[in-house]
Amino acid sequence: MKAKLDRSGCISCGLCAETCPEVFRIANDGVAEVYQEDVPAGIQDKAVAAQEGCPVSVITVE
């Protein structure tokens, strides 16, 4: 399972980083980023929850 995030559409709400900090974080420029593209098996549910919770739908986990 891989995580992707369209940074150009991110509104920097931080919800993804709160929901799944093992995969997402807020970068130095204040915009969210994926720092672990390959989602570990034990946290795939959290990564999907981050995707579903994103208010601007810029996260894809597949």
N, C-alpha and C. Protein backbone atom coordinates (compact mmCIF):
# COMPACT_ATOMS: atom_id res chain seq x y z
N MET A 1 0.85 -1.17 0.00
CA MET A 1 0.00 0.00 0.00
C MET A 1 0.89 1.24 0.00
N LYS A 2 0.56 2.19 -0.87
CA LYS A 2 1.34 3.43 -0.98
C LYS A 2 0.47 4.64 -0.70
N ALA A 3 1.08 5.66 -0.11
CA ALA A 3 0.38 6.91 0.19
C ALA A 3 0.93 8.01 -0.70
N LYS A 4 0.03 8.84 -1.20
CA LYS A 4 0.41 10.00 -2.01
C LYS A 4 -0.40 11.20 -1.53
N LEU A 5 0.16 12.37 -1.71
CA LEU A 5 -0.50 13.59 -1.28
C LEU A 5 -0.21 14.69 -2.30
N ASP A 6 -1.25 15.33 -2.81
CA ASP A 6 -1.08 16.44 -3.75
C ASP A 6 -0.86 17.72 -2.93
N ARG A 7 0.39 18.07 -2.75
CA ARG A 7 0.73 19.21 -1.89
C ARG A 7 0.15 20.52 -2.41
N SER A 8 -0.06 20.64 -3.73
CA SER A 8 -0.56 21.90 -4.28
C SER A 8 -1.99 22.19 -3.83
N GLY A 9 -2.73 21.17 -3.43
CA GLY A 9 -4.10 21.37 -2.98
C GLY A 9 -4.26 21.35 -1.47
N CYS A 10 -3.18 21.08 -0.76
CA CYS A 10 -3.22 20.97 0.70
C CYS A 10 -3.51 22.32 1.34
N ILE A 11 -4.38 22.31 2.37
CA ILE A 11 -4.69 23.55 3.09
C ILE A 11 -4.00 23.61 4.46
N SER A 12 -3.09 22.68 4.69
CA SER A 12 -2.27 22.66 5.91
C SER A 12 -3.07 22.58 7.20
N CYS A 13 -4.15 21.80 7.18
CA CYS A 13 -4.95 21.67 8.40
C CYS A 13 -4.29 20.77 9.43
N GLY A 14 -3.40 19.85 8.98
CA GLY A 14 -2.67 18.98 9.88
C GLY A 14 -3.40 17.72 10.30
N LEU A 15 -4.61 17.51 9.80
CA LEU A 15 -5.39 16.35 10.20
C LEU A 15 -4.70 15.03 9.83
N CYS A 16 -4.07 14.98 8.68
CA CYS A 16 -3.39 13.74 8.27
C CYS A 16 -2.24 13.41 9.21
N ALA A 17 -1.47 14.40 9.58
CA ALA A 17 -0.35 14.19 10.49
C ALA A 17 -0.82 13.78 11.89
N GLU A 18 -1.97 14.27 12.30
CA GLU A 18 -2.54 13.88 13.59
C GLU A 18 -3.07 12.45 13.53
N THR A 19 -3.70 12.10 12.42
CA THR A 19 -4.33 10.80 12.26
C THR A 19 -3.31 9.69 12.04
N CYS A 20 -2.30 9.96 11.25
CA CYS A 20 -1.30 8.93 10.91
C CYS A 20 0.10 9.55 10.83
N PRO A 21 0.67 9.88 11.98
CA PRO A 21 1.99 10.54 11.99
C PRO A 21 3.12 9.64 11.50
N GLU A 22 2.87 8.35 11.38
CA GLU A 22 3.89 7.44 10.87
C GLU A 22 4.11 7.62 9.37
N VAL A 23 3.15 8.23 8.67
CA VAL A 23 3.21 8.39 7.21
C VAL A 23 3.23 9.85 6.79
N PHE A 24 2.46 10.68 7.47
CA PHE A 24 2.31 12.10 7.10
C PHE A 24 2.92 13.02 8.14
N ARG A 25 3.39 14.16 7.68
CA ARG A 25 3.90 15.19 8.59
C ARG A 25 3.74 16.55 7.91
N ILE A 26 3.85 17.58 8.72
CA ILE A 26 3.86 18.94 8.18
C ILE A 26 5.32 19.29 7.90
N ALA A 27 5.61 19.64 6.66
CA ALA A 27 6.97 19.96 6.24
C ALA A 27 7.38 21.34 6.73
N ASN A 28 8.63 21.68 6.55
CA ASN A 28 9.16 22.97 6.99
C ASN A 28 8.44 24.15 6.35
N ASP A 29 7.86 23.96 5.17
CA ASP A 29 7.14 25.05 4.50
C ASP A 29 5.69 25.17 4.97
N GLY A 30 5.29 24.33 5.94
CA GLY A 30 3.95 24.42 6.51
C GLY A 30 2.90 23.59 5.79
N VAL A 31 3.28 22.88 4.75
CA VAL A 31 2.35 22.06 3.97
C VAL A 31 2.61 20.59 4.30
N ALA A 32 1.55 19.80 4.35
CA ALA A 32 1.68 18.38 4.65
C ALA A 32 2.47 17.67 3.56
N GLU A 33 3.11 16.57 3.97
CA GLU A 33 3.83 15.74 3.01
C GLU A 33 3.79 14.30 3.47
N VAL A 34 4.02 13.41 2.52
CA VAL A 34 4.20 11.99 2.82
C VAL A 34 5.69 11.78 3.02
N TYR A 35 6.08 11.24 4.16
CA TYR A 35 7.50 10.97 4.34
C TYR A 35 7.78 9.48 4.41
N GLN A 36 6.73 8.66 4.38
CA GLN A 36 6.90 7.21 4.27
C GLN A 36 5.85 6.72 3.27
N GLU A 37 6.23 6.70 2.01
CA GLU A 37 5.30 6.35 0.93
C GLU A 37 4.75 4.93 1.06
N ASP A 38 5.60 3.98 1.42
CA ASP A 38 5.15 2.60 1.61
C ASP A 38 4.56 2.48 3.02
N VAL A 39 3.24 2.31 3.09
CA VAL A 39 2.55 2.27 4.37
C VAL A 39 2.75 0.90 5.01
N PRO A 40 3.32 0.83 6.23
CA PRO A 40 3.51 -0.44 6.91
C PRO A 40 2.17 -1.14 7.20
N ALA A 41 2.19 -2.44 7.17
CA ALA A 41 0.96 -3.23 7.33
C ALA A 41 0.17 -2.88 8.59
N GLY A 42 0.84 -2.62 9.67
CA GLY A 42 0.15 -2.38 10.93
C GLY A 42 -0.58 -1.06 11.05
N ILE A 43 -0.33 -0.14 10.11
CA ILE A 43 -0.98 1.18 10.22
C ILE A 43 -1.76 1.56 8.97
N GLN A 44 -2.06 0.58 8.13
CA GLN A 44 -2.80 0.88 6.91
C GLN A 44 -4.17 1.48 7.20
N ASP A 45 -4.83 1.03 8.25
CA ASP A 45 -6.13 1.59 8.62
C ASP A 45 -6.02 3.07 8.97
N LYS A 46 -4.94 3.45 9.65
CA LYS A 46 -4.74 4.85 10.01
C LYS A 46 -4.48 5.71 8.77
N ALA A 47 -3.74 5.16 7.81
CA ALA A 47 -3.47 5.90 6.58
C ALA A 47 -4.75 6.11 5.78
N VAL A 48 -5.59 5.09 5.72
CA VAL A 48 -6.88 5.21 5.03
C VAL A 48 -7.78 6.21 5.77
N ALA A 49 -7.74 6.21 7.08
CA ALA A 49 -8.53 7.18 7.86
C ALA A 49 -8.06 8.60 7.56
N ALA A 50 -6.77 8.79 7.38
CA ALA A 50 -6.25 10.12 7.02
C ALA A 50 -6.76 10.53 5.65
N GLN A 51 -6.79 9.59 4.72
CA GLN A 51 -7.33 9.88 3.38
C GLN A 51 -8.80 10.27 3.47
N GLU A 52 -9.57 9.49 4.20
CA GLU A 52 -11.01 9.75 4.31
C GLU A 52 -11.30 11.04 5.07
N GLY A 53 -10.42 11.42 5.99
CA GLY A 53 -10.65 12.62 6.79
C GLY A 53 -10.16 13.92 6.16
N CYS A 54 -9.38 13.80 5.08
CA CYS A 54 -8.83 15.00 4.46
C CYS A 54 -9.95 15.88 3.91
N PRO A 55 -10.05 17.13 4.38
CA PRO A 55 -11.17 17.99 3.97
C PRO A 55 -11.10 18.45 2.50
N VAL A 56 -9.93 18.31 1.87
CA VAL A 56 -9.80 18.73 0.47
C VAL A 56 -9.45 17.57 -0.45
N SER A 57 -9.51 16.35 0.07
CA SER A 57 -9.32 15.12 -0.71
C SER A 57 -8.05 15.11 -1.57
N VAL A 58 -6.93 15.45 -0.97
CA VAL A 58 -5.66 15.44 -1.70
C VAL A 58 -4.80 14.22 -1.38
N ILE A 59 -5.31 13.32 -0.54
CA ILE A 59 -4.56 12.13 -0.15
C ILE A 59 -5.12 10.91 -0.87
N THR A 60 -4.21 10.09 -1.38
CA THR A 60 -4.58 8.82 -1.99
C THR A 60 -3.77 7.72 -1.34
N VAL A 61 -4.46 6.70 -0.85
CA VAL A 61 -3.80 5.54 -0.26
C VAL A 61 -4.33 4.33 -1.02
N GLU A 62 -3.44 3.64 -1.72
CA GLU A 62 -3.87 2.46 -2.49
C GLU A 62 -2.78 1.43 -2.55
